[in-house]
Amino acid sequence: MWNHIRGPPYAHKNPNTGQVSYIHGSSQAQFVAETHIVLLFSITYVFLNSDSDAAVTLGMVLLHEAATSDLDVGKRKIMCVAGIGLVVLFFSWLLSVFRAKYHGYPYR
């Protein structure tokens, strides 16, 4: 609704460098693309039925199950690699969006 009322651009292209920004640099505004990114986080929430860090949580569960299950070694390795991949990918994605929105992060 905010996008409908305010009419923001989809993204911003820097005229000097040509770099496209999908996340607005201020916490007081947003681009339409930023809304779509939040939508992706929400879809992850719906399909995994957890909070926005659902993929990170699923990765931790896979790591735990790989370490404690009685499955054969091949399946445990696949679970371990999938778990590490989920944790690294989604946690870094979450931090990069947060860092783009709040420039003082990490707070030092």
N, C-alpha and C. Protein backbone atom coordinates (compact mmCIF):
# COMPACT_ATOMS: atom_id res chain seq x y z
N MET A 1 0.82 -1.17 0.00
CA MET A 1 0.00 0.00 0.00
C MET A 1 0.88 1.26 0.00
N TRP A 2 2.00 1.20 0.74
CA TRP A 2 2.90 2.35 0.77
C TRP A 2 3.37 2.69 -0.64
N ASN A 3 3.71 1.67 -1.41
CA ASN A 3 4.16 1.91 -2.78
C ASN A 3 3.05 2.51 -3.64
N HIS A 4 1.84 2.09 -3.41
CA HIS A 4 0.71 2.61 -4.17
C HIS A 4 0.46 4.09 -3.84
N ILE A 5 0.57 4.43 -2.57
CA ILE A 5 0.31 5.81 -2.16
C ILE A 5 1.46 6.73 -2.56
N ARG A 6 2.70 6.33 -2.30
CA ARG A 6 3.85 7.21 -2.52
C ARG A 6 4.36 7.19 -3.96
N GLY A 7 4.15 6.07 -4.66
CA GLY A 7 4.63 5.97 -6.04
C GLY A 7 6.14 6.01 -6.18
N PRO A 8 6.89 5.22 -5.39
CA PRO A 8 8.35 5.25 -5.50
C PRO A 8 8.82 4.55 -6.78
N PRO A 9 10.05 4.80 -7.19
CA PRO A 9 10.59 4.08 -8.36
C PRO A 9 10.88 2.63 -8.00
N TYR A 10 11.01 1.79 -9.03
CA TYR A 10 11.31 0.38 -8.78
C TYR A 10 12.70 0.23 -8.16
N ALA A 11 13.66 0.93 -8.71
CA ALA A 11 15.04 0.89 -8.22
C ALA A 11 15.69 2.22 -8.60
N HIS A 12 16.95 2.39 -8.22
CA HIS A 12 17.67 3.62 -8.52
C HIS A 12 18.97 3.27 -9.22
N LYS A 13 19.22 3.94 -10.33
CA LYS A 13 20.48 3.75 -11.05
C LYS A 13 21.34 4.98 -10.84
N ASN A 14 22.54 4.77 -10.31
CA ASN A 14 23.48 5.86 -10.08
C ASN A 14 23.97 6.37 -11.43
N PRO A 15 23.76 7.66 -11.73
CA PRO A 15 24.17 8.17 -13.05
C PRO A 15 25.68 8.20 -13.25
N ASN A 16 26.45 8.26 -12.18
CA ASN A 16 27.91 8.31 -12.31
C ASN A 16 28.52 6.94 -12.54
N THR A 17 28.08 5.95 -11.76
CA THR A 17 28.68 4.62 -11.83
C THR A 17 27.84 3.62 -12.61
N GLY A 18 26.55 3.89 -12.76
CA GLY A 18 25.67 2.96 -13.44
C GLY A 18 25.20 1.82 -12.57
N GLN A 19 25.58 1.84 -11.28
CA GLN A 19 25.19 0.78 -10.36
C GLN A 19 23.72 0.95 -9.98
N VAL A 20 22.99 -0.18 -9.96
CA VAL A 20 21.57 -0.16 -9.63
C VAL A 20 21.40 -0.54 -8.16
N SER A 21 20.62 0.27 -7.43
CA SER A 21 20.33 -0.01 -6.02
C SER A 21 18.89 -0.47 -5.90
N TYR A 22 18.69 -1.61 -5.26
CA TYR A 22 17.35 -2.14 -5.06
C TYR A 22 16.84 -1.85 -3.66
N ILE A 23 17.73 -1.46 -2.76
CA ILE A 23 17.36 -1.14 -1.39
C ILE A 23 17.72 0.32 -1.14
N HIS A 24 16.75 1.07 -0.68
CA HIS A 24 16.96 2.50 -0.44
C HIS A 24 17.92 2.68 0.73
N GLY A 25 18.76 3.67 0.66
CA GLY A 25 19.77 3.90 1.68
C GLY A 25 19.24 4.49 2.96
N SER A 26 17.97 4.80 3.04
CA SER A 26 17.39 5.41 4.23
C SER A 26 16.33 4.51 4.82
N SER A 27 16.15 4.61 6.12
CA SER A 27 15.07 3.84 6.75
C SER A 27 13.73 4.57 6.63
N GLN A 28 13.73 5.76 6.03
CA GLN A 28 12.50 6.54 5.87
C GLN A 28 11.84 6.33 4.51
N ALA A 29 12.45 5.57 3.62
CA ALA A 29 11.90 5.36 2.29
C ALA A 29 12.24 3.95 1.81
N GLN A 30 11.61 3.56 0.71
CA GLN A 30 11.90 2.25 0.15
C GLN A 30 11.57 2.26 -1.34
N PHE A 31 12.20 1.35 -2.07
CA PHE A 31 11.92 1.16 -3.48
C PHE A 31 10.91 0.01 -3.61
N VAL A 32 10.31 -0.10 -4.79
CA VAL A 32 9.38 -1.20 -5.03
C VAL A 32 10.14 -2.53 -4.98
N ALA A 33 11.37 -2.55 -5.48
CA ALA A 33 12.18 -3.78 -5.45
C ALA A 33 12.43 -4.23 -4.01
N GLU A 34 12.56 -3.29 -3.11
CA GLU A 34 12.76 -3.63 -1.70
C GLU A 34 11.53 -4.35 -1.14
N THR A 35 10.37 -3.92 -1.59
CA THR A 35 9.13 -4.59 -1.19
C THR A 35 9.13 -6.03 -1.70
N HIS A 36 9.62 -6.24 -2.91
CA HIS A 36 9.68 -7.59 -3.45
C HIS A 36 10.67 -8.46 -2.69
N ILE A 37 11.76 -7.88 -2.23
CA ILE A 37 12.72 -8.64 -1.43
C ILE A 37 12.10 -9.07 -0.11
N VAL A 38 11.37 -8.16 0.53
CA VAL A 38 10.67 -8.51 1.77
C VAL A 38 9.62 -9.57 1.49
N LEU A 39 8.98 -9.51 0.33
CA LEU A 39 8.01 -10.53 -0.06
C LEU A 39 8.67 -11.91 -0.15
N LEU A 40 9.90 -11.95 -0.68
CA LEU A 40 10.62 -13.23 -0.73
C LEU A 40 10.89 -13.79 0.66
N PHE A 41 11.24 -12.90 1.61
CA PHE A 41 11.41 -13.35 2.99
C PHE A 41 10.09 -13.88 3.55
N SER A 42 8.99 -13.22 3.20
CA SER A 42 7.68 -13.66 3.69
C SER A 42 7.28 -15.00 3.09
N ILE A 43 7.60 -15.21 1.82
CA ILE A 43 7.30 -16.50 1.19
C ILE A 43 8.10 -17.60 1.86
N THR A 44 9.36 -17.31 2.19
CA THR A 44 10.16 -18.28 2.94
C THR A 44 9.48 -18.60 4.26
N TYR A 45 8.92 -17.59 4.89
CA TYR A 45 8.19 -17.78 6.15
C TYR A 45 6.99 -18.70 5.97
N VAL A 46 6.22 -18.47 4.92
CA VAL A 46 5.00 -19.25 4.71
C VAL A 46 5.33 -20.71 4.39
N PHE A 47 6.28 -20.93 3.49
CA PHE A 47 6.57 -22.30 3.09
C PHE A 47 7.29 -23.10 4.16
N LEU A 48 8.10 -22.46 4.96
CA LEU A 48 8.83 -23.19 5.99
C LEU A 48 8.15 -23.10 7.35
N ASN A 49 7.07 -22.30 7.44
CA ASN A 49 6.24 -22.19 8.64
C ASN A 49 7.05 -21.87 9.88
N SER A 50 7.86 -20.83 9.79
CA SER A 50 8.66 -20.38 10.92
C SER A 50 8.81 -18.87 10.79
N ASP A 51 9.76 -18.29 11.50
CA ASP A 51 9.95 -16.84 11.38
C ASP A 51 10.82 -16.53 10.17
N SER A 52 11.22 -15.27 10.00
CA SER A 52 11.95 -14.86 8.79
C SER A 52 13.31 -15.55 8.66
N ASP A 53 13.82 -16.08 9.73
CA ASP A 53 15.08 -16.82 9.68
C ASP A 53 14.83 -18.31 9.55
N ALA A 54 13.73 -18.67 8.90
CA ALA A 54 13.33 -20.07 8.81
C ALA A 54 14.37 -20.91 8.07
N ALA A 55 14.95 -20.38 7.01
CA ALA A 55 15.94 -21.15 6.26
C ALA A 55 17.20 -21.37 7.10
N VAL A 56 17.58 -20.38 7.89
CA VAL A 56 18.73 -20.55 8.78
C VAL A 56 18.42 -21.62 9.83
N THR A 57 17.21 -21.58 10.37
CA THR A 57 16.80 -22.58 11.35
C THR A 57 16.78 -23.97 10.73
N LEU A 58 16.24 -24.09 9.52
CA LEU A 58 16.21 -25.38 8.84
C LEU A 58 17.63 -25.89 8.59
N GLY A 59 18.55 -25.00 8.25
CA GLY A 59 19.94 -25.40 8.07
C GLY A 59 20.55 -25.92 9.34
N MET A 60 20.25 -25.27 10.47
CA MET A 60 20.77 -25.76 11.76
C MET A 60 20.18 -27.12 12.12
N VAL A 61 18.90 -27.32 11.84
CA VAL A 61 18.28 -28.62 12.11
C VAL A 61 18.91 -29.70 11.24
N LEU A 62 19.17 -29.40 9.97
CA LEU A 62 19.83 -30.37 9.11
C LEU A 62 21.23 -30.71 9.62
N LEU A 63 21.96 -29.71 10.09
CA LEU A 63 23.29 -29.98 10.64
C LEU A 63 23.21 -30.87 11.87
N HIS A 64 22.25 -30.60 12.73
CA HIS A 64 22.08 -31.43 13.93
C HIS A 64 21.70 -32.85 13.57
N GLU A 65 20.76 -33.00 12.65
CA GLU A 65 20.32 -34.34 12.25
C GLU A 65 21.45 -35.10 11.55
N ALA A 66 22.27 -34.40 10.78
CA ALA A 66 23.39 -35.06 10.11
C ALA A 66 24.40 -35.58 11.12
N ALA A 67 24.54 -34.87 12.22
CA ALA A 67 25.53 -35.28 13.23
C ALA A 67 25.01 -36.39 14.12
N THR A 68 23.71 -36.47 14.35
CA THR A 68 23.19 -37.41 15.34
C THR A 68 22.39 -38.57 14.76
N SER A 69 22.14 -38.59 13.45
CA SER A 69 21.29 -39.65 12.89
C SER A 69 22.09 -40.92 12.62
N ASP A 70 21.36 -42.00 12.39
CA ASP A 70 21.97 -43.29 12.10
C ASP A 70 21.91 -43.63 10.61
N LEU A 71 21.73 -42.62 9.76
CA LEU A 71 21.68 -42.84 8.31
C LEU A 71 23.07 -43.16 7.79
N ASP A 72 23.11 -43.63 6.54
CA ASP A 72 24.42 -43.92 5.95
C ASP A 72 25.20 -42.63 5.73
N VAL A 73 26.48 -42.78 5.55
CA VAL A 73 27.38 -41.63 5.51
C VAL A 73 27.07 -40.70 4.34
N GLY A 74 26.67 -41.24 3.21
CA GLY A 74 26.38 -40.41 2.04
C GLY A 74 25.22 -39.45 2.28
N LYS A 75 24.14 -39.95 2.88
CA LYS A 75 22.99 -39.09 3.18
C LYS A 75 23.34 -38.06 4.25
N ARG A 76 24.16 -38.45 5.20
CA ARG A 76 24.56 -37.50 6.24
C ARG A 76 25.42 -36.38 5.67
N LYS A 77 26.29 -36.70 4.71
CA LYS A 77 27.11 -35.67 4.07
C LYS A 77 26.23 -34.69 3.29
N ILE A 78 25.24 -35.23 2.58
CA ILE A 78 24.32 -34.36 1.83
C ILE A 78 23.56 -33.45 2.78
N MET A 79 23.07 -34.00 3.90
CA MET A 79 22.37 -33.17 4.89
C MET A 79 23.28 -32.10 5.46
N CYS A 80 24.52 -32.45 5.71
CA CYS A 80 25.48 -31.50 6.27
C CYS A 80 25.77 -30.37 5.29
N VAL A 81 26.04 -30.69 4.04
CA VAL A 81 26.34 -29.67 3.03
C VAL A 81 25.11 -28.78 2.80
N ALA A 82 23.91 -29.38 2.75
CA ALA A 82 22.69 -28.60 2.57
C ALA A 82 22.47 -27.67 3.76
N GLY A 83 22.72 -28.16 4.96
CA GLY A 83 22.56 -27.34 6.16
C GLY A 83 23.51 -26.17 6.19
N ILE A 84 24.77 -26.43 5.89
CA ILE A 84 25.77 -25.35 5.86
C ILE A 84 25.41 -24.34 4.77
N GLY A 85 24.99 -24.85 3.62
CA GLY A 85 24.61 -23.96 2.53
C GLY A 85 23.45 -23.05 2.90
N LEU A 86 22.41 -23.61 3.53
CA LEU A 86 21.26 -22.81 3.94
C LEU A 86 21.65 -21.75 4.96
N VAL A 87 22.44 -22.14 5.95
CA VAL A 87 22.84 -21.19 6.99
C VAL A 87 23.66 -20.05 6.38
N VAL A 88 24.66 -20.39 5.61
CA VAL A 88 25.55 -19.36 5.05
C VAL A 88 24.79 -18.46 4.08
N LEU A 89 24.02 -19.04 3.18
CA LEU A 89 23.34 -18.26 2.16
C LEU A 89 22.29 -17.32 2.75
N PHE A 90 21.38 -17.85 3.54
CA PHE A 90 20.29 -17.03 4.03
C PHE A 90 20.70 -16.07 5.15
N PHE A 91 21.64 -16.46 6.00
CA PHE A 91 22.09 -15.54 7.04
C PHE A 91 22.86 -14.37 6.43
N SER A 92 23.70 -14.66 5.43
CA SER A 92 24.43 -13.56 4.79
C SER A 92 23.48 -12.67 4.00
N TRP A 93 22.44 -13.25 3.41
CA TRP A 93 21.44 -12.46 2.69
C TRP A 93 20.69 -11.54 3.66
N LEU A 94 20.31 -12.09 4.79
CA LEU A 94 19.60 -11.30 5.79
C LEU A 94 20.48 -10.16 6.31
N LEU A 95 21.75 -10.44 6.59
CA LEU A 95 22.66 -9.40 7.08
C LEU A 95 22.95 -8.34 6.02
N SER A 96 23.04 -8.74 4.76
CA SER A 96 23.32 -7.76 3.72
C SER A 96 22.15 -6.80 3.52
N VAL A 97 20.93 -7.29 3.63
CA VAL A 97 19.77 -6.39 3.53
C VAL A 97 19.75 -5.45 4.73
N PHE A 98 20.00 -5.97 5.92
CA PHE A 98 20.02 -5.13 7.12
C PHE A 98 21.12 -4.08 7.04
N ARG A 99 22.30 -4.48 6.56
CA ARG A 99 23.44 -3.57 6.46
C ARG A 99 23.17 -2.47 5.43
N ALA A 100 22.47 -2.81 4.35
CA ALA A 100 22.16 -1.81 3.33
C ALA A 100 21.17 -0.78 3.85
N LYS A 101 20.30 -1.18 4.75
CA LYS A 101 19.29 -0.27 5.27
C LYS A 101 19.83 0.58 6.41
N TYR A 102 20.68 0.02 7.25
CA TYR A 102 21.20 0.74 8.42
C TYR A 102 22.72 0.83 8.28
N HIS A 103 23.18 1.99 7.82
CA HIS A 103 24.58 2.16 7.44
C HIS A 103 25.55 2.05 8.60
N GLY A 104 25.11 2.26 9.81
CA GLY A 104 26.01 2.18 10.95
C GLY A 104 26.30 0.77 11.40
N TYR A 105 25.69 -0.25 10.76
CA TYR A 105 25.88 -1.64 11.17
C TYR A 105 27.14 -2.17 10.56
N PRO A 106 27.99 -2.91 11.21
CA PRO A 106 27.87 -3.32 12.60
C PRO A 106 28.24 -2.16 13.52
N TYR A 107 27.53 -2.08 14.60
CA TYR A 107 27.68 -0.96 15.52
C TYR A 107 29.01 -1.06 16.25
N ARG A 108 29.88 -0.10 16.02
CA ARG A 108 31.22 -0.13 16.63
C ARG A 108 31.41 1.06 17.50
